[in-house]
């Protein structure tokens, strides 16, 4: 059965990552997922990595240095990025903030 409503306090799966990123899976089905990532302090690093999912990231708040492929850019609130499948990417938090990630298909390793 498809779930249509996800409520923050009841349904969100919260994971505090070893590097102190607070990841909250907000909603998902087999084909799509939305995740909130909070970076509570500057200097937190999301290590370079890749995965087979398409990903779009929206910067809700904060300032980050993102690496996508061979490009490095500073991004801030209101900016967004697309990451094609299997591209190397990562980020460094310059000012604390929140990112929203959308994945297709959903990340099984997050649920």
N, C-alpha and C. Protein backbone atom coordinates (compact mmCIF):
# COMPACT_ATOMS: atom_id res chain seq x y z
N UNK A 1 0.84 -1.20 0.00
CA UNK A 1 0.00 0.00 0.00
C UNK A 1 0.88 1.25 0.00
N UNK A 2 0.52 2.23 -0.80
CA UNK A 2 1.28 3.48 -0.87
C UNK A 2 0.90 4.37 0.30
N UNK A 3 1.90 4.93 0.93
CA UNK A 3 1.67 5.88 2.02
C UNK A 3 1.68 7.28 1.43
N UNK A 4 0.66 8.08 1.72
CA UNK A 4 0.55 9.42 1.14
C UNK A 4 0.91 10.54 2.10
N UNK A 5 0.80 10.31 3.38
CA UNK A 5 1.11 11.36 4.36
C UNK A 5 2.21 10.88 5.29
N UNK A 6 3.18 11.77 5.53
CA UNK A 6 4.28 11.49 6.45
C UNK A 6 4.32 12.64 7.46
N UNK A 7 4.20 12.32 8.73
CA UNK A 7 4.16 13.35 9.75
C UNK A 7 5.49 13.38 10.50
N UNK A 8 6.03 14.58 10.66
CA UNK A 8 7.36 14.79 11.21
C UNK A 8 7.61 13.99 12.49
N UNK A 9 6.78 14.14 13.48
CA UNK A 9 7.03 13.50 14.78
C UNK A 9 6.75 12.00 14.76
N UNK A 10 5.89 11.54 13.88
CA UNK A 10 5.52 10.13 13.87
C UNK A 10 6.33 9.31 12.88
N UNK A 11 6.67 9.88 11.74
CA UNK A 11 7.21 9.09 10.64
C UNK A 11 8.67 9.36 10.28
N UNK A 12 9.20 10.51 10.64
CA UNK A 12 10.56 10.85 10.21
C UNK A 12 11.57 9.93 10.87
N UNK A 13 12.46 9.36 10.06
CA UNK A 13 13.54 8.54 10.59
C UNK A 13 14.74 9.46 10.74
N UNK A 14 15.17 9.68 11.99
CA UNK A 14 16.28 10.59 12.27
C UNK A 14 17.53 9.78 12.57
N UNK A 15 18.63 10.14 11.91
CA UNK A 15 19.92 9.49 12.13
C UNK A 15 20.95 10.58 12.37
N UNK A 16 21.70 10.47 13.47
CA UNK A 16 22.80 11.40 13.71
C UNK A 16 24.06 10.71 13.20
N UNK A 17 24.61 11.27 12.15
CA UNK A 17 25.76 10.67 11.49
C UNK A 17 27.01 10.86 12.35
N UNK A 18 28.04 10.01 12.14
CA UNK A 18 29.27 10.14 12.94
C UNK A 18 29.91 11.52 12.84
N UNK A 19 29.72 12.22 11.74
CA UNK A 19 30.29 13.56 11.58
C UNK A 19 29.33 14.65 12.05
N UNK A 20 28.30 14.28 12.80
CA UNK A 20 27.28 15.13 13.42
C UNK A 20 26.25 15.72 12.47
N UNK A 21 26.22 15.27 11.23
CA UNK A 21 25.12 15.65 10.36
C UNK A 21 23.87 14.94 10.88
N UNK A 22 22.78 15.69 11.02
CA UNK A 22 21.52 15.10 11.47
C UNK A 22 20.65 14.89 10.25
N UNK A 23 20.46 13.61 9.88
CA UNK A 23 19.70 13.25 8.68
C UNK A 23 18.30 12.82 9.07
N UNK A 24 17.31 13.43 8.42
CA UNK A 24 15.91 13.10 8.70
C UNK A 24 15.23 12.72 7.39
N UNK A 25 14.86 11.44 7.26
CA UNK A 25 14.12 10.98 6.09
C UNK A 25 12.68 11.45 6.27
N UNK A 26 12.22 12.31 5.37
CA UNK A 26 10.91 12.95 5.52
C UNK A 26 9.79 12.15 4.86
N UNK A 27 10.00 11.69 3.64
CA UNK A 27 8.97 10.92 2.92
C UNK A 27 9.65 10.16 1.78
N UNK A 28 9.06 9.02 1.43
CA UNK A 28 9.62 8.26 0.32
C UNK A 28 8.64 7.19 -0.15
N UNK A 29 8.87 6.75 -1.38
CA UNK A 29 8.29 5.52 -1.91
C UNK A 29 9.41 4.87 -2.72
N UNK A 30 9.10 3.87 -3.50
CA UNK A 30 10.16 3.17 -4.23
C UNK A 30 10.91 4.07 -5.21
N UNK A 31 10.22 5.05 -5.77
CA UNK A 31 10.80 5.85 -6.84
C UNK A 31 11.36 7.21 -6.43
N UNK A 32 11.06 7.66 -5.20
CA UNK A 32 11.41 9.03 -4.84
C UNK A 32 11.58 9.14 -3.33
N UNK A 33 12.50 10.02 -2.91
CA UNK A 33 12.75 10.23 -1.48
C UNK A 33 13.13 11.68 -1.25
N UNK A 34 12.70 12.23 -0.10
CA UNK A 34 13.11 13.57 0.32
C UNK A 34 13.70 13.46 1.73
N UNK A 35 14.87 14.11 1.90
CA UNK A 35 15.64 14.00 3.13
C UNK A 35 16.11 15.38 3.56
N UNK A 36 16.00 15.67 4.86
CA UNK A 36 16.54 16.91 5.43
C UNK A 36 17.85 16.58 6.12
N UNK A 37 18.88 17.38 5.83
CA UNK A 37 20.19 17.21 6.46
C UNK A 37 20.56 18.49 7.18
N UNK A 38 20.72 18.40 8.50
CA UNK A 38 21.11 19.56 9.29
C UNK A 38 22.60 19.49 9.61
N UNK A 39 23.30 20.58 9.33
CA UNK A 39 24.70 20.73 9.67
C UNK A 39 24.76 21.76 10.80
N UNK A 40 24.81 21.32 12.08
CA UNK A 40 24.67 22.26 13.19
C UNK A 40 25.88 23.14 13.47
N UNK A 41 27.04 22.77 12.92
CA UNK A 41 28.24 23.58 13.14
C UNK A 41 29.05 23.69 11.86
N UNK A 42 29.82 24.76 11.76
CA UNK A 42 30.73 24.91 10.62
C UNK A 42 31.83 23.87 10.71
N UNK A 43 32.38 23.53 9.55
CA UNK A 43 33.50 22.60 9.51
C UNK A 43 33.12 21.15 9.30
N UNK A 44 31.84 20.82 9.38
CA UNK A 44 31.40 19.45 9.15
C UNK A 44 31.61 19.11 7.67
N UNK A 45 32.14 17.92 7.43
CA UNK A 45 32.43 17.48 6.06
C UNK A 45 31.54 16.31 5.69
N UNK A 46 30.87 16.44 4.56
CA UNK A 46 30.19 15.30 3.94
C UNK A 46 31.18 14.76 2.92
N UNK A 47 31.82 13.65 3.26
CA UNK A 47 32.91 13.11 2.45
C UNK A 47 32.52 12.90 0.99
N UNK A 48 33.51 12.98 0.12
CA UNK A 48 33.29 12.69 -1.30
C UNK A 48 32.79 11.25 -1.43
N UNK A 49 31.77 11.08 -2.25
CA UNK A 49 31.17 9.76 -2.46
C UNK A 49 30.37 9.78 -3.75
N UNK A 50 29.87 8.63 -4.15
CA UNK A 50 28.97 8.54 -5.29
C UNK A 50 27.95 7.45 -5.00
N UNK A 51 26.86 7.46 -5.75
CA UNK A 51 25.80 6.46 -5.63
C UNK A 51 25.03 6.43 -6.94
N UNK A 52 24.25 5.37 -7.16
CA UNK A 52 23.56 5.23 -8.45
C UNK A 52 22.28 6.06 -8.58
N UNK A 53 21.96 6.87 -7.58
CA UNK A 53 20.72 7.65 -7.58
C UNK A 53 20.94 9.02 -8.21
N UNK A 54 19.90 9.55 -8.87
CA UNK A 54 19.89 10.96 -9.22
C UNK A 54 19.58 11.73 -7.94
N UNK A 55 20.15 12.93 -7.80
CA UNK A 55 19.95 13.70 -6.58
C UNK A 55 19.87 15.18 -6.90
N UNK A 56 18.92 15.84 -6.26
CA UNK A 56 18.85 17.31 -6.29
C UNK A 56 18.93 17.78 -4.86
N UNK A 57 19.76 18.80 -4.62
CA UNK A 57 19.93 19.37 -3.28
C UNK A 57 19.50 20.82 -3.32
N UNK A 58 18.69 21.21 -2.34
CA UNK A 58 18.26 22.59 -2.16
C UNK A 58 18.82 23.10 -0.84
N UNK A 59 19.44 24.26 -0.85
CA UNK A 59 20.02 24.85 0.35
C UNK A 59 18.95 25.70 1.04
N UNK A 60 18.47 25.24 2.17
CA UNK A 60 17.46 25.98 2.94
C UNK A 60 18.13 27.12 3.70
N UNK A 61 19.27 26.84 4.32
CA UNK A 61 20.00 27.85 5.08
C UNK A 61 21.47 27.44 5.15
N UNK A 62 22.31 28.39 5.53
CA UNK A 62 23.73 28.12 5.67
C UNK A 62 24.52 28.40 4.41
N UNK A 63 25.82 28.12 4.49
CA UNK A 63 26.75 28.29 3.38
C UNK A 63 27.61 27.03 3.31
N UNK A 64 27.80 26.50 2.10
CA UNK A 64 28.53 25.25 1.91
C UNK A 64 29.45 25.37 0.71
N UNK A 65 30.57 24.65 0.76
CA UNK A 65 31.40 24.47 -0.41
C UNK A 65 31.11 23.07 -0.94
N UNK A 66 30.53 22.98 -2.14
CA UNK A 66 30.17 21.70 -2.73
C UNK A 66 31.15 21.35 -3.83
N UNK A 67 31.50 20.09 -3.88
CA UNK A 67 32.26 19.53 -5.00
C UNK A 67 31.33 18.58 -5.73
N UNK A 68 31.20 18.78 -7.03
CA UNK A 68 30.43 17.88 -7.88
C UNK A 68 31.30 17.61 -9.09
N UNK A 69 31.73 16.35 -9.24
CA UNK A 69 32.66 16.03 -10.32
C UNK A 69 33.95 16.80 -10.11
N UNK A 70 34.38 17.54 -11.13
CA UNK A 70 35.62 18.32 -11.02
C UNK A 70 35.36 19.80 -10.73
N UNK A 71 34.14 20.14 -10.29
CA UNK A 71 33.82 21.53 -9.98
C UNK A 71 33.61 21.74 -8.48
N UNK A 72 34.10 22.87 -7.98
CA UNK A 72 33.87 23.29 -6.59
C UNK A 72 33.20 24.65 -6.62
N UNK A 73 32.10 24.79 -5.85
CA UNK A 73 31.38 26.06 -5.81
C UNK A 73 30.91 26.32 -4.39
N UNK A 74 30.81 27.60 -4.03
CA UNK A 74 30.20 28.01 -2.77
C UNK A 74 28.71 28.21 -3.05
N UNK A 75 27.86 27.58 -2.22
CA UNK A 75 26.41 27.71 -2.36
C UNK A 75 25.82 28.17 -1.04
N UNK A 76 24.65 28.82 -1.14
CA UNK A 76 24.01 29.35 0.06
C UNK A 76 22.50 29.24 -0.09
N UNK A 77 21.77 29.68 0.93
CA UNK A 77 20.31 29.57 0.96
C UNK A 77 19.70 30.02 -0.36
N UNK A 78 18.81 29.18 -0.91
CA UNK A 78 18.13 29.47 -2.16
C UNK A 78 18.77 28.82 -3.37
N UNK A 79 20.02 28.36 -3.24
CA UNK A 79 20.71 27.70 -4.35
C UNK A 79 20.32 26.22 -4.39
N UNK A 80 20.49 25.61 -5.54
CA UNK A 80 20.23 24.17 -5.67
C UNK A 80 21.22 23.56 -6.64
N UNK A 81 21.36 22.24 -6.57
CA UNK A 81 22.33 21.51 -7.40
C UNK A 81 21.74 20.20 -7.86
N UNK A 82 22.15 19.75 -9.02
CA UNK A 82 21.78 18.44 -9.55
C UNK A 82 23.02 17.56 -9.56
N UNK A 83 22.86 16.31 -9.13
CA UNK A 83 23.96 15.34 -9.17
C UNK A 83 23.49 14.13 -9.96
N UNK A 84 24.13 13.90 -11.09
CA UNK A 84 23.77 12.76 -11.92
C UNK A 84 24.21 11.46 -11.23
N UNK A 85 23.65 10.32 -11.62
CA UNK A 85 24.05 9.06 -11.01
C UNK A 85 25.56 8.83 -11.13
N UNK A 86 26.13 8.31 -10.05
CA UNK A 86 27.53 7.88 -9.98
C UNK A 86 28.57 8.99 -10.05
N UNK A 87 28.16 10.26 -9.98
CA UNK A 87 29.14 11.34 -9.98
C UNK A 87 29.69 11.51 -8.55
N UNK A 88 30.98 11.75 -8.45
CA UNK A 88 31.61 12.00 -7.15
C UNK A 88 31.16 13.38 -6.66
N UNK A 89 30.72 13.43 -5.39
CA UNK A 89 30.30 14.71 -4.82
C UNK A 89 30.46 14.70 -3.30
N UNK A 90 30.51 15.88 -2.72
CA UNK A 90 30.64 16.04 -1.27
C UNK A 90 30.55 17.51 -0.93
N UNK A 91 30.61 17.81 0.38
CA UNK A 91 30.44 19.19 0.81
C UNK A 91 31.19 19.46 2.11
N UNK A 92 31.50 20.74 2.30
CA UNK A 92 32.04 21.24 3.56
C UNK A 92 31.12 22.36 4.03
N UNK A 93 30.69 22.28 5.28
CA UNK A 93 29.83 23.31 5.85
C UNK A 93 30.68 24.52 6.26
N UNK A 94 30.38 25.66 5.68
CA UNK A 94 31.08 26.90 6.02
C UNK A 94 30.32 27.67 7.10
N UNK A 95 29.00 27.74 6.98
CA UNK A 95 28.13 28.31 8.01
C UNK A 95 27.02 27.30 8.27
N UNK A 96 26.66 27.03 9.53
CA UNK A 96 25.64 26.03 9.84
C UNK A 96 24.38 26.22 9.01
N UNK A 97 23.75 25.11 8.65
CA UNK A 97 22.56 25.22 7.82
C UNK A 97 21.86 23.89 7.60
N UNK A 98 20.88 23.95 6.70
CA UNK A 98 20.02 22.80 6.40
C UNK A 98 19.95 22.62 4.89
N UNK A 99 20.07 21.37 4.45
CA UNK A 99 19.93 20.99 3.05
C UNK A 99 18.73 20.06 2.90
N UNK A 100 18.04 20.16 1.79
CA UNK A 100 17.00 19.20 1.44
C UNK A 100 17.48 18.43 0.21
N UNK A 101 17.53 17.10 0.34
CA UNK A 101 17.94 16.24 -0.77
C UNK A 101 16.75 15.46 -1.29
N UNK A 102 16.62 15.38 -2.61
CA UNK A 102 15.64 14.52 -3.26
C UNK A 102 16.41 13.48 -4.05
N UNK A 103 16.02 12.22 -3.91
CA UNK A 103 16.68 11.11 -4.58
C UNK A 103 15.67 10.34 -5.41
N UNK A 104 16.12 9.86 -6.56
CA UNK A 104 15.34 8.90 -7.33
C UNK A 104 16.29 7.86 -7.88
N UNK A 105 16.00 6.56 -7.70
CA UNK A 105 14.97 6.04 -6.81
C UNK A 105 15.36 6.30 -5.36
N UNK A 106 14.54 5.87 -4.42
CA UNK A 106 14.83 6.14 -3.01
C UNK A 106 16.11 5.41 -2.58
N UNK A 107 16.74 5.92 -1.53
CA UNK A 107 17.96 5.32 -0.98
C UNK A 107 17.58 4.24 0.02
N UNK A 108 17.68 3.01 -0.38
CA UNK A 108 17.37 1.89 0.52
C UNK A 108 18.23 1.93 1.77
N UNK A 109 19.48 2.39 1.63
CA UNK A 109 20.38 2.45 2.78
C UNK A 109 19.96 3.51 3.79
N UNK A 110 19.05 4.38 3.47
CA UNK A 110 18.55 5.40 4.41
C UNK A 110 17.33 4.92 5.19
N UNK A 111 16.68 3.86 4.73
CA UNK A 111 15.48 3.38 5.43
C UNK A 111 15.73 2.01 6.02
